[in-house]
Amino acid sequence: MTQDRNVAAAWFKYASQCDLDSSSAAFNNLGICYEDGLGLETDATAAMDCYQRASDMGHVGALVNLGYLQLG
């Protein structure tokens, strides 16, 4: 199976729009895509928003990612 980061980013966007308990993980993964430019244009503001939304849902990893992003 080949990796397609564009498709992965699209699925994370889709999952983040669903009303599921697992959407916190989708927001965290989407934040990673925005932060690192994986399948999307690099966008620190969008990454921070995704991490914030995921951490608001209780995703601990997103809170860590948010902290690292804010530290620069």
PDB file of N, CA and C in Angstrom:
ATOM      1  N   MET A   1       0.836  -1.170   0.000  1.00  0.00           N
ATOM      2  CA  MET A   1       0.000   0.000   0.000  1.00  0.00           C
ATOM      3  C   MET A   1       0.888   1.243   0.000  1.00  0.00           C
ATOM      4  N   THR A   2       0.607   2.173  -0.881  1.00  0.00           N
ATOM      5  CA  THR A   2       1.375   3.403  -0.930  1.00  0.00           C
ATOM      6  C   THR A   2       0.744   4.460  -0.023  1.00  0.00           C
ATOM      7  N   GLN A   3       1.574   5.340   0.476  1.00  0.00           N
ATOM      8  CA  GLN A   3       1.088   6.424   1.320  1.00  0.00           C
ATOM      9  C   GLN A   3       0.669   7.598   0.455  1.00  0.00           C
ATOM     10  N   ASP A   4      -0.482   8.145   0.743  1.00  0.00           N
ATOM     11  CA  ASP A   4      -0.952   9.340   0.055  1.00  0.00           C
ATOM     12  C   ASP A   4      -1.379  10.340   1.121  1.00  0.00           C
ATOM     13  N   ARG A   5      -0.516  11.286   1.389  1.00  0.00           N
ATOM     14  CA  ARG A   5      -0.771  12.241   2.468  1.00  0.00           C
ATOM     15  C   ARG A   5      -1.940  13.161   2.168  1.00  0.00           C
ATOM     16  N   ASN A   6      -2.183  13.426   0.890  1.00  0.00           N
ATOM     17  CA  ASN A   6      -3.335  14.251   0.521  1.00  0.00           C
ATOM     18  C   ASN A   6      -4.640  13.546   0.895  1.00  0.00           C
ATOM     19  N   VAL A   7      -4.701  12.253   0.622  1.00  0.00           N
ATOM     20  CA  VAL A   7      -5.899  11.482   0.956  1.00  0.00           C
ATOM     21  C   VAL A   7      -6.045  11.377   2.468  1.00  0.00           C
ATOM     22  N   ALA A   8      -4.938  11.150   3.154  1.00  0.00           N
ATOM     23  CA  ALA A   8      -4.986  11.062   4.619  1.00  0.00           C
ATOM     24  C   ALA A   8      -5.498  12.369   5.223  1.00  0.00           C
ATOM     25  N   ALA A   9      -4.989  13.485   4.757  1.00  0.00           N
ATOM     26  CA  ALA A   9      -5.429  14.789   5.270  1.00  0.00           C
ATOM     27  C   ALA A   9      -6.919  14.996   4.998  1.00  0.00           C
ATOM     28  N   ALA A  10      -7.380  14.571   3.836  1.00  0.00           N
ATOM     29  CA  ALA A  10      -8.804  14.705   3.503  1.00  0.00           C
ATOM     30  C   ALA A  10      -9.662  13.870   4.446  1.00  0.00           C
ATOM     31  N   TRP A  11      -9.209  12.676   4.779  1.00  0.00           N
ATOM     32  CA  TRP A  11      -9.954  11.830   5.715  1.00  0.00           C
ATOM     33  C   TRP A  11      -9.944  12.423   7.120  1.00  0.00           C
ATOM     34  N   PHE A  12      -8.840  13.002   7.542  1.00  0.00           N
ATOM     35  CA  PHE A  12      -8.795  13.642   8.859  1.00  0.00           C
ATOM     36  C   PHE A  12      -9.764  14.825   8.904  1.00  0.00           C
ATOM     37  N   LYS A  13      -9.821  15.598   7.812  1.00  0.00           N
ATOM     38  CA  LYS A  13     -10.772  16.716   7.751  1.00  0.00           C
ATOM     39  C   LYS A  13     -12.201  16.196   7.865  1.00  0.00           C
ATOM     40  N   TYR A  14     -12.492  15.131   7.118  1.00  0.00           N
ATOM     41  CA  TYR A  14     -13.834  14.547   7.157  1.00  0.00           C
ATOM     42  C   TYR A  14     -14.171  14.053   8.564  1.00  0.00           C
ATOM     43  N   ALA A  15     -13.261  13.317   9.172  1.00  0.00           N
ATOM     44  CA  ALA A  15     -13.508  12.755  10.500  1.00  0.00           C
ATOM     45  C   ALA A  15     -13.658  13.848  11.547  1.00  0.00           C
ATOM     46  N   SER A  16     -12.935  14.946  11.388  1.00  0.00           N
ATOM     47  CA  SER A  16     -13.041  16.025  12.362  1.00  0.00           C
ATOM     48  C   SER A  16     -14.400  16.715  12.304  1.00  0.00           C
ATOM     49  N   GLN A  17     -15.110  16.558  11.193  1.00  0.00           N
ATOM     50  CA  GLN A  17     -16.430  17.163  11.048  1.00  0.00           C
ATOM     51  C   GLN A  17     -17.545  16.254  11.552  1.00  0.00           C
ATOM     52  N   CYS A  18     -17.209  15.015  11.853  1.00  0.00           N
ATOM     53  CA  CYS A  18     -18.206  14.070  12.357  1.00  0.00           C
ATOM     54  C   CYS A  18     -18.431  14.301  13.844  1.00  0.00           C
ATOM     55  N   ASP A  19     -19.595  13.973  14.292  1.00  0.00           N
ATOM     56  CA  ASP A  19     -19.934  14.126  15.705  1.00  0.00           C
ATOM     57  C   ASP A  19     -19.667  12.795  16.404  1.00  0.00           C
ATOM     58  N   LEU A  20     -18.393  12.474  16.543  1.00  0.00           N
ATOM     59  CA  LEU A  20     -17.984  11.205  17.139  1.00  0.00           C
ATOM     60  C   LEU A  20     -17.027  11.457  18.289  1.00  0.00           C
ATOM     61  N   ASP A  21     -16.956  10.510  19.197  1.00  0.00           N
ATOM     62  CA  ASP A  21     -15.987  10.615  20.287  1.00  0.00           C
ATOM     63  C   ASP A  21     -14.559  10.613  19.761  1.00  0.00           C
ATOM     64  N   SER A  22     -14.350   9.983  18.627  1.00  0.00           N
ATOM     65  CA  SER A  22     -13.006   9.878  18.075  1.00  0.00           C
ATOM     66  C   SER A  22     -12.579  11.121  17.294  1.00  0.00           C
ATOM     67  N   SER A  23     -13.443  12.134  17.210  1.00  0.00           N
ATOM     68  CA  SER A  23     -13.067  13.312  16.433  1.00  0.00           C
ATOM     69  C   SER A  23     -11.913  14.078  17.078  1.00  0.00           C
ATOM     70  N   SER A  24     -11.667  13.887  18.372  1.00  0.00           N
ATOM     71  CA  SER A  24     -10.514  14.545  18.988  1.00  0.00           C
ATOM     72  C   SER A  24      -9.219  14.042  18.366  1.00  0.00           C
ATOM     73  N   ALA A  25      -9.150  12.753  18.082  1.00  0.00           N
ATOM     74  CA  ALA A  25      -7.962  12.196  17.428  1.00  0.00           C
ATOM     75  C   ALA A  25      -7.837  12.736  16.006  1.00  0.00           C
ATOM     76  N   ALA A  26      -8.964  12.891  15.319  1.00  0.00           N
ATOM     77  CA  ALA A  26      -8.934  13.434  13.961  1.00  0.00           C
ATOM     78  C   ALA A  26      -8.421  14.867  13.970  1.00  0.00           C
ATOM     79  N   PHE A  27      -8.894  15.680  14.942  1.00  0.00           N
ATOM     80  CA  PHE A  27      -8.401  17.050  15.036  1.00  0.00           C
ATOM     81  C   PHE A  27      -6.906  17.075  15.338  1.00  0.00           C
ATOM     82  N   ASN A  28      -6.446  16.197  16.227  1.00  0.00           N
ATOM     83  CA  ASN A  28      -5.018  16.153  16.530  1.00  0.00           C
ATOM     84  C   ASN A  28      -4.216  15.776  15.283  1.00  0.00           C
ATOM     85  N   ASN A  29      -4.657  14.749  14.579  1.00  0.00           N
ATOM     86  CA  ASN A  29      -3.946  14.318  13.371  1.00  0.00           C
ATOM     87  C   ASN A  29      -3.988  15.384  12.285  1.00  0.00           C
ATOM     88  N   LEU A  30      -5.113  16.069  12.168  1.00  0.00           N
ATOM     89  CA  LEU A  30      -5.209  17.164  11.199  1.00  0.00           C
ATOM     90  C   LEU A  30      -4.254  18.294  11.578  1.00  0.00           C
ATOM     91  N   GLY A  31      -4.129  18.554  12.872  1.00  0.00           N
ATOM     92  CA  GLY A  31      -3.160  19.553  13.334  1.00  0.00           C
ATOM     93  C   GLY A  31      -1.743  19.187  12.950  1.00  0.00           C
ATOM     94  N   ILE A  32      -1.412  17.913  13.076  1.00  0.00           N
ATOM     95  CA  ILE A  32      -0.081  17.440  12.673  1.00  0.00           C
ATOM     96  C   ILE A  32       0.127  17.677  11.176  1.00  0.00           C
ATOM     97  N   CYS A  33      -0.905  17.379  10.384  1.00  0.00           N
ATOM     98  CA  CYS A  33      -0.804  17.611   8.935  1.00  0.00           C
ATOM     99  C   CYS A  33      -0.554  19.079   8.622  1.00  0.00           C
ATOM    100  N   TYR A  34      -1.288  19.966   9.295  1.00  0.00           N
ATOM    101  CA  TYR A  34      -1.078  21.404   9.076  1.00  0.00           C
ATOM    102  C   TYR A  34       0.293  21.862   9.566  1.00  0.00           C
ATOM    103  N   GLU A  35       0.702  21.366  10.718  1.00  0.00           N
ATOM    104  CA  GLU A  35       1.980  21.807  11.281  1.00  0.00           C
ATOM    105  C   GLU A  35       3.160  21.373  10.420  1.00  0.00           C
ATOM    106  N   ASP A  36       3.110  20.140   9.923  1.00  0.00           N
ATOM    107  CA  ASP A  36       4.240  19.585   9.178  1.00  0.00           C
ATOM    108  C   ASP A  36       4.082  19.663   7.667  1.00  0.00           C
ATOM    109  N   GLY A  37       2.937  20.181   7.179  1.00  0.00           N
ATOM    110  CA  GLY A  37       2.731  20.262   5.738  1.00  0.00           C
ATOM    111  C   GLY A  37       2.554  18.908   5.085  1.00  0.00           C
ATOM    112  N   LEU A  38       1.867  18.002   5.777  1.00  0.00           N
ATOM    113  CA  LEU A  38       1.647  16.650   5.257  1.00  0.00           C
ATOM    114  C   LEU A  38       0.316  16.587   4.523  1.00  0.00           C
ATOM    115  N   GLY A  39       0.357  16.732   3.216  1.00  0.00           N
ATOM    116  CA  GLY A  39      -0.851  16.697   2.412  1.00  0.00           C
ATOM    117  C   GLY A  39      -1.599  18.015   2.387  1.00  0.00           C
ATOM    118  N   LEU A  40      -1.127  19.000   3.124  1.00  0.00           N
ATOM    119  CA  LEU A  40      -1.730  20.328   3.194  1.00  0.00           C
ATOM    120  C   LEU A  40      -0.618  21.368   3.212  1.00  0.00           C
ATOM    121  N   GLU A  41      -0.977  22.609   2.907  1.00  0.00           N
ATOM    122  CA  GLU A  41      -0.010  23.688   3.068  1.00  0.00           C
ATOM    123  C   GLU A  41       0.289  23.855   4.555  1.00  0.00           C
ATOM    124  N   THR A  42       1.527  24.127   4.896  1.00  0.00           N
ATOM    125  CA  THR A  42       1.887  24.378   6.281  1.00  0.00           C
ATOM    126  C   THR A  42       1.144  25.615   6.777  1.00  0.00           C
ATOM    127  N   ASP A  43       0.467  25.464   7.934  1.00  0.00           N
ATOM    128  CA  ASP A  43      -0.332  26.549   8.480  1.00  0.00           C
ATOM    129  C   ASP A  43      -0.352  26.414  10.002  1.00  0.00           C
ATOM    130  N   ALA A  44       0.518  27.161  10.664  1.00  0.00           N
ATOM    131  CA  ALA A  44       0.643  27.057  12.120  1.00  0.00           C
ATOM    132  C   ALA A  44      -0.635  27.494  12.832  1.00  0.00           C
ATOM    133  N   THR A  45      -1.336  28.465  12.286  1.00  0.00           N
ATOM    134  CA  THR A  45      -2.581  28.930  12.906  1.00  0.00           C
ATOM    135  C   THR A  45      -3.652  27.841  12.858  1.00  0.00           C
ATOM    136  N   ALA A  46      -3.788  27.190  11.717  1.00  0.00           N
ATOM    137  CA  ALA A  46      -4.757  26.099  11.585  1.00  0.00           C
ATOM    138  C   ALA A  46      -4.365  24.924  12.474  1.00  0.00           C
ATOM    139  N   ALA A  47      -3.067  24.639  12.562  1.00  0.00           N
ATOM    140  CA  ALA A  47      -2.593  23.558  13.427  1.00  0.00           C
ATOM    141  C   ALA A  47      -2.938  23.853  14.878  1.00  0.00           C
ATOM    142  N   MET A  48      -2.706  25.087  15.299  1.00  0.00           N
ATOM    143  CA  MET A  48      -3.000  25.482  16.675  1.00  0.00           C
ATOM    144  C   MET A  48      -4.494  25.361  16.965  1.00  0.00           C
ATOM    145  N   ASP A  49      -5.328  25.750  16.012  1.00  0.00           N
ATOM    146  CA  ASP A  49      -6.776  25.636  16.181  1.00  0.00           C
ATOM    147  C   ASP A  49      -7.192  24.169  16.326  1.00  0.00           C
ATOM    148  N   CYS A  50      -6.633  23.318  15.486  1.00  0.00           N
ATOM    149  CA  CYS A  50      -6.959  21.886  15.559  1.00  0.00           C
ATOM    150  C   CYS A  50      -6.511  21.289  16.887  1.00  0.00           C
ATOM    151  N   TYR A  51      -5.302  21.606  17.306  1.00  0.00           N
ATOM    152  CA  TYR A  51      -4.807  21.100  18.585  1.00  0.00           C
ATOM    153  C   TYR A  51      -5.664  21.601  19.744  1.00  0.00           C
ATOM    154  N   GLN A  52      -6.067  22.866  19.688  1.00  0.00           N
ATOM    155  CA  GLN A  52      -6.902  23.432  20.751  1.00  0.00           C
ATOM    156  C   GLN A  52      -8.246  22.720  20.822  1.00  0.00           C
ATOM    157  N   ARG A  53      -8.849  22.502  19.667  1.00  0.00           N
ATOM    158  CA  ARG A  53     -10.156  21.824  19.643  1.00  0.00           C
ATOM    159  C   ARG A  53     -10.037  20.401  20.167  1.00  0.00           C
ATOM    160  N   ALA A  54      -8.970  19.706  19.784  1.00  0.00           N
ATOM    161  CA  ALA A  54      -8.777  18.336  20.264  1.00  0.00           C
ATOM    162  C   ALA A  54      -8.512  18.311  21.760  1.00  0.00           C
ATOM    163  N   SER A  55      -7.705  19.240  22.240  1.00  0.00           N
ATOM    164  CA  SER A  55      -7.407  19.260  23.678  1.00  0.00           C
ATOM    165  C   SER A  55      -8.643  19.642  24.483  1.00  0.00           C
ATOM    166  N   ASP A  56      -9.507  20.490  23.918  1.00  0.00           N
ATOM    167  CA  ASP A  56     -10.776  20.821  24.575  1.00  0.00           C
ATOM    168  C   ASP A  56     -11.670  19.594  24.724  1.00  0.00           C
ATOM    169  N   MET A  57     -11.467  18.621  23.837  1.00  0.00           N
ATOM    170  CA  MET A  57     -12.229  17.368  23.900  1.00  0.00           C
ATOM    171  C   MET A  57     -11.550  16.333  24.792  1.00  0.00           C
ATOM    172  N   GLY A  58     -10.414  16.716  25.375  1.00  0.00           N
ATOM    173  CA  GLY A  58      -9.730  15.815  26.294  1.00  0.00           C
ATOM    174  C   GLY A  58      -8.581  15.023  25.710  1.00  0.00           C
ATOM    175  N   HIS A  59      -8.141  15.357  24.521  1.00  0.00           N
ATOM    176  CA  HIS A  59      -7.020  14.634  23.888  1.00  0.00           C
ATOM    177  C   HIS A  59      -5.710  15.162  24.459  1.00  0.00           C
ATOM    178  N   VAL A  60      -5.050  14.354  25.277  1.00  0.00           N
ATOM    179  CA  VAL A  60      -3.831  14.783  25.967  1.00  0.00           C
ATOM    180  C   VAL A  60      -2.690  15.043  24.990  1.00  0.00           C
ATOM    181  N   GLY A  61      -2.555  14.196  23.983  1.00  0.00           N
ATOM    182  CA  GLY A  61      -1.496  14.387  22.992  1.00  0.00           C
ATOM    183  C   GLY A  61      -1.618  15.712  22.263  1.00  0.00           C
ATOM    184  N   ALA A  62      -2.847  16.135  22.010  1.00  0.00           N
ATOM    185  CA  ALA A  62      -3.069  17.423  21.347  1.00  0.00           C
ATOM    186  C   ALA A  62      -2.629  18.570  22.240  1.00  0.00           C
ATOM    187  N   LEU A  63      -2.847  18.416  23.536  1.00  0.00           N
ATOM    188  CA  LEU A  63      -2.402  19.445  24.475  1.00  0.00           C
ATOM    189  C   LEU A  63      -0.878  19.567  24.464  1.00  0.00           C
ATOM    190  N   VAL A  64      -0.201  18.439  24.387  1.00  0.00           N
ATOM    191  CA  VAL A  64       1.266  18.437  24.293  1.00  0.00           C
ATOM    192  C   VAL A  64       1.705  19.089  22.986  1.00  0.00           C
ATOM    193  N   ASN A  65       1.055  18.705  21.871  1.00  0.00           N
ATOM    194  CA  ASN A  65       1.395  19.291  20.570  1.00  0.00           C
ATOM    195  C   ASN A  65       1.159  20.795  20.561  1.00  0.00           C
ATOM    196  N   LEU A  66       0.080  21.229  21.192  1.00  0.00           N
ATOM    197  CA  LEU A  66      -0.221  22.656  21.289  1.00  0.00           C
ATOM    198  C   LEU A  66       0.871  23.383  22.051  1.00  0.00           C
ATOM    199  N   GLY A  67       1.319  22.811  23.145  1.00  0.00           N
ATOM    200  CA  GLY A  67       2.394  23.411  23.931  1.00  0.00           C
ATOM    201  C   GLY A  67       3.686  23.536  23.153  1.00  0.00           C
ATOM    202  N   TYR A  68       4.059  22.463  22.430  1.00  0.00           N
ATOM    203  CA  TYR A  68       5.284  22.525  21.627  1.00  0.00           C
ATOM    204  C   TYR A  68       5.172  23.556  20.514  1.00  0.00           C
ATOM    205  N   LEU A  69       3.999  23.648  19.911  1.00  0.00           N
ATOM    206  CA  LEU A  69       3.813  24.615  18.820  1.00  0.00           C
ATOM    207  C   LEU A  69       3.903  26.039  19.358  1.00  0.00           C
ATOM    208  N   GLN A  70       3.346  26.279  20.528  1.00  0.00           N
ATOM    209  CA  GLN A  70       3.390  27.620  21.101  1.00  0.00           C
ATOM    210  C   GLN A  70       4.800  27.999  21.554  1.00  0.00           C
ATOM    211  N   LEU A  71       5.585  27.013  21.936  1.00  0.00           N
ATOM    212  CA  LEU A  71       6.967  27.288  22.333  1.00  0.00           C
ATOM    213  C   LEU A  71       7.838  27.631  21.140  1.00  0.00           C
ATOM    214  N   GLY A  72       7.421  27.140  19.985  1.00  0.00           N
ATOM    215  CA  GLY A  72       8.164  27.433  18.769  1.00  0.00           C
ATOM    216  C   GLY A  72       9.244  26.470  18.564  1.00  0.00           C
TER     217      GLY A  72
END
